[in-house]
């Protein structure tokens, strides 16, 4: 991959405030930018936060929020093959791991929800309409599955296509606290499906893929 094009992709990630991983060539790391996204087909259930009127907190991430985001994946991406960076974007802590040798990417957001949230909020944030915005830089995308556990952990699985290459994406949404949601996205080339399965099972042993 042309080094100038790779630098352009990295710059686009840093300066943009919305978007999705931009698929590149098979030797390049697909890039992502922060976004709010969602999916239809999940029926509202009980609210995650208490039913009483919420007491809003500060939306600004604290050091504890940063530490939580950085520690969420443990030591899984601490090897030299993965390059880590993080940033603060409004009420969100974002962490990015670029796996250059694997042409892969892992992207995490710890989103502060100052006044709490419920199922209706998550259904809106992860709606079919918003996926269109998330994958706007791809030539095509297809949701191949979506599921949710009884504890509220959501998983969305996609297949995307761009510039002659295909990628598989898994996107988890976890209710971390009454005022924080953590989303984790893994992007691997289609031919690296075994690696995708391996990392997925280490991150979410009981929910690495939809049943």
Protein backbone atom coordinates (compact mmCIF):
# COMPACT_ATOMS: atom_id res chain seq x y z
CA UNK A 1 0.00 0.00 0.00
CA UNK A 2 1.29 3.47 -0.85
CA UNK A 3 2.63 5.03 2.37
CA UNK A 4 1.11 8.42 1.57
CA UNK A 5 -2.33 6.85 1.24
CA UNK A 6 -1.88 5.08 4.57
CA UNK A 7 -0.94 8.40 6.23
CA UNK A 8 -4.06 9.95 4.69
CA UNK A 9 -6.23 7.24 6.23
CA UNK A 10 -4.68 7.75 9.66
CA UNK A 11 -5.15 11.51 9.39
CA UNK A 12 -8.77 11.04 8.41
CA UNK A 13 -9.33 9.01 11.56
CA UNK A 14 -7.74 11.65 13.79
CA UNK A 15 -9.59 14.70 12.47
CA UNK A 16 -13.02 13.23 11.77
CA UNK A 17 -15.80 13.02 14.35
CA UNK A 18 -18.00 10.43 12.64
CA UNK A 19 -17.68 7.48 10.29
CA UNK A 20 -16.57 3.85 10.18
CA UNK A 21 -13.55 1.76 9.39
CA UNK A 22 -12.44 2.55 5.85
CA UNK A 23 -11.51 -0.67 4.11
CA UNK A 24 -8.11 -0.57 2.45
CA UNK A 25 -5.98 -3.04 0.53
CA UNK A 26 -5.22 -6.46 2.01
CA UNK A 27 -1.85 -5.21 3.25
CA UNK A 28 -3.28 -2.14 4.94
CA UNK A 29 -5.04 -1.62 8.22
CA UNK A 30 -8.71 -0.58 7.82
CA UNK A 31 -9.33 2.67 9.67
CA UNK A 32 -12.23 3.78 11.87
CA UNK A 33 -13.56 7.02 13.20
CA UNK A 34 -15.89 7.59 16.16
CA UNK A 35 -19.60 7.31 15.50
CA UNK A 36 -22.94 6.62 17.11
CA UNK A 37 -24.63 3.63 15.51
CA UNK A 38 -27.47 1.12 15.94
CA UNK A 39 -29.71 -1.78 14.63
CA UNK A 40 -33.38 -2.60 14.29
CA UNK A 41 -35.06 -5.85 15.21
CA UNK A 42 -34.44 -5.72 18.97
CA UNK A 43 -37.57 -5.20 21.01
CA UNK A 44 -37.45 -2.87 24.04
CA UNK A 45 -37.33 -4.60 27.42
CA UNK A 46 -36.72 -3.28 30.92
CA UNK A 47 -34.53 -0.21 31.28
CA UNK A 48 -30.97 -0.80 32.30
CA UNK A 49 -30.95 2.25 34.53
CA UNK A 50 -33.32 2.68 37.50
CA UNK A 51 -36.92 3.61 36.70
CA UNK A 52 -36.78 6.65 38.97
CA UNK A 53 -35.82 10.00 37.48
CA UNK A 54 -32.10 9.82 36.72
CA UNK A 55 -29.59 12.03 38.48
CA UNK A 56 -27.32 13.32 35.76
CA UNK A 57 -23.57 13.27 36.25
CA UNK A 58 -20.75 15.04 34.46
CA UNK A 59 -20.23 13.78 30.92
CA UNK A 60 -16.51 14.53 30.94
CA UNK A 61 -14.43 11.33 31.16
CA UNK A 62 -12.43 10.94 34.36
CA UNK A 63 -9.13 9.17 34.79
CA UNK A 64 -11.11 6.16 36.01
CA UNK A 65 -13.04 6.16 32.71
CA UNK A 66 -9.77 6.24 30.77
CA UNK A 67 -8.29 3.45 32.87
CA UNK A 68 -11.43 1.34 32.38
CA UNK A 69 -11.27 1.72 28.58
CA UNK A 70 -7.55 0.91 28.40
CA UNK A 71 -7.91 -2.14 30.66
CA UNK A 72 -11.08 -3.52 29.06
CA UNK A 73 -9.31 -5.94 26.69
CA UNK A 74 -6.68 -6.94 29.23
CA UNK A 75 -3.33 -7.93 27.71
CA UNK A 76 -4.85 -9.31 24.52
CA UNK A 77 -3.49 -6.56 22.26
CA UNK A 78 -0.29 -5.80 24.18
CA UNK A 79 2.05 -7.64 21.79
CA UNK A 80 4.31 -5.74 19.34
CA UNK A 81 1.98 -6.74 16.48
CA UNK A 82 -0.61 -4.25 17.78
CA UNK A 83 -0.14 -0.49 17.95
CA UNK A 84 -2.33 1.19 20.58
CA UNK A 85 -3.53 4.78 20.81
CA UNK A 86 -6.37 6.49 22.63
CA UNK A 87 -8.14 9.83 22.66
CA UNK A 88 -10.97 11.72 24.34
CA UNK A 89 -13.91 12.78 22.18
CA UNK A 90 -16.48 14.71 24.17
CA UNK A 91 -18.00 12.25 26.64
CA UNK A 92 -16.27 9.26 25.06
CA UNK A 93 -12.92 7.54 25.54
CA UNK A 94 -11.79 5.89 22.31
CA UNK A 95 -9.05 3.28 22.04
CA UNK A 96 -7.59 2.04 18.76
CA UNK A 97 -5.38 -1.00 18.14
CA UNK A 98 -3.90 -1.34 14.66
CA UNK A 99 -2.68 -4.80 13.71
CA UNK A 100 -0.55 -4.00 10.69
CA UNK A 101 0.79 -7.55 10.10
CA UNK A 102 -2.78 -8.92 10.21
CA UNK A 103 -4.29 -6.00 8.26
CA UNK A 104 -6.71 -5.79 11.17
CA UNK A 105 -8.14 -3.25 13.53
CA UNK A 106 -9.79 -3.22 16.95
CA UNK A 107 -11.73 -0.16 18.01
CA UNK A 108 -13.29 0.52 21.42
CA UNK A 109 -15.48 3.29 22.75
CA UNK A 110 -16.37 3.82 26.41
CA UNK A 111 -19.36 6.14 26.14
CA UNK A 112 -20.48 8.12 29.17
CA UNK A 113 -24.27 8.45 29.35
CA UNK A 114 -24.60 11.28 31.90
CA UNK A 115 -28.31 10.77 32.60
CA UNK A 116 -28.37 7.00 32.21
CA UNK A 117 -29.93 5.03 29.36
CA UNK A 118 -32.40 2.29 28.59
CA UNK A 119 -33.28 -0.19 25.86
CA UNK A 120 -35.04 2.46 23.80
CA UNK A 121 -31.91 4.61 23.89
CA UNK A 122 -29.74 1.72 22.72
CA UNK A 123 -32.21 0.77 20.00
CA UNK A 124 -31.99 4.32 18.68
CA UNK A 125 -28.21 4.49 18.92
CA UNK A 126 -27.86 1.16 17.12
CA UNK A 127 -30.52 1.52 14.42
CA UNK A 128 -30.50 0.38 10.82
CA UNK A 129 -30.51 3.97 9.61
CA UNK A 130 -27.34 4.78 11.51
CA UNK A 131 -25.46 1.77 10.09
CA UNK A 132 -25.73 3.52 6.73
CA UNK A 133 -23.70 6.39 8.13
CA UNK A 134 -21.22 4.08 9.79
CA UNK A 135 -20.44 2.25 6.54
CA UNK A 136 -20.64 5.26 4.25
CA UNK A 137 -17.00 4.81 3.15
CA UNK A 138 -17.55 1.23 2.02
CA UNK A 139 -18.74 0.20 -1.40
CA UNK A 140 -21.19 -2.19 0.26
CA UNK A 141 -22.00 -3.75 3.62
CA UNK A 142 -24.30 -6.50 4.80
CA UNK A 143 -25.45 -7.35 8.30
CA UNK A 144 -25.16 -11.12 8.51
CA UNK A 145 -26.40 -11.56 12.08
CA UNK A 146 -27.45 -9.79 15.27
CA UNK A 147 -28.18 -11.19 18.72
CA UNK A 148 -28.42 -10.29 22.39
CA UNK A 149 -27.92 -12.09 25.68
CA UNK A 150 -30.27 -12.01 28.65
CA UNK A 151 -27.87 -9.63 30.38
CA UNK A 152 -28.07 -7.11 27.54
CA UNK A 153 -24.80 -7.80 25.69
CA UNK A 154 -25.45 -7.14 21.99
CA UNK A 155 -23.50 -8.44 19.01
CA UNK A 156 -23.76 -7.28 15.40
CA UNK A 157 -21.91 -9.09 12.61
CA UNK A 158 -21.18 -7.59 9.20
CA UNK A 159 -19.51 -8.39 5.91
CA UNK A 160 -18.15 -5.39 4.00
CA UNK A 161 -16.57 -4.83 0.61
CA UNK A 162 -14.30 -2.09 -0.67
CA UNK A 163 -11.57 -1.67 -3.31
CA UNK A 164 -11.78 -5.33 -4.27
CA UNK A 165 -11.36 -6.69 -0.74
CA UNK A 166 -13.81 -8.09 1.79
CA UNK A 167 -13.79 -7.66 5.55
CA UNK A 168 -15.70 -9.24 8.41
CA UNK A 169 -16.69 -7.10 11.36
CA UNK A 170 -17.99 -8.01 14.81
CA UNK A 171 -19.40 -5.27 16.99
CA UNK A 172 -20.31 -5.80 20.65
CA UNK A 173 -22.30 -3.42 22.84
CA UNK A 174 -22.10 -3.95 26.59
CA UNK A 175 -23.97 -2.25 29.44
CA UNK A 176 -20.91 -1.54 31.56
CA UNK A 177 -22.62 0.58 34.25
CA UNK A 178 -25.87 2.51 34.63
CA UNK A 179 -24.11 5.45 33.01
CA UNK A 180 -21.60 3.88 30.61
CA UNK A 181 -21.79 1.78 27.45
CA UNK A 182 -18.73 0.08 25.96
CA UNK A 183 -18.67 -0.82 22.29
CA UNK A 184 -15.95 -3.03 20.82
CA UNK A 185 -15.41 -3.55 17.10
CA UNK A 186 -13.03 -6.02 15.44
CA UNK A 187 -12.24 -5.78 11.72
CA UNK A 188 -10.34 -8.53 9.86
CA UNK A 189 -9.94 -9.40 6.18
CA UNK A 190 -12.35 -12.13 5.10
CA UNK A 191 -9.49 -14.57 4.52
CA UNK A 192 -8.42 -14.15 8.17
CA UNK A 193 -11.66 -15.53 9.56
CA UNK A 194 -9.80 -17.94 11.87
CA UNK A 195 -7.93 -15.05 13.47
CA UNK A 196 -11.18 -13.15 13.86
CA UNK A 197 -12.69 -16.16 15.65
CA UNK A 198 -9.61 -16.51 17.85
CA UNK A 199 -9.59 -12.91 19.05
CA UNK A 200 -13.38 -12.84 19.39
CA UNK A 201 -13.38 -15.90 21.64
CA UNK A 202 -10.67 -14.38 23.84
CA UNK A 203 -12.57 -11.11 24.19
CA UNK A 204 -16.02 -12.61 24.72
CA UNK A 205 -15.59 -16.33 25.50
CA UNK A 206 -19.32 -16.93 25.94
CA UNK A 207 -20.48 -14.73 23.07
CA UNK A 208 -17.81 -14.65 20.39
CA UNK A 209 -20.38 -15.04 17.61
CA UNK A 210 -24.14 -15.17 17.32
CA UNK A 211 -25.62 -18.62 18.10
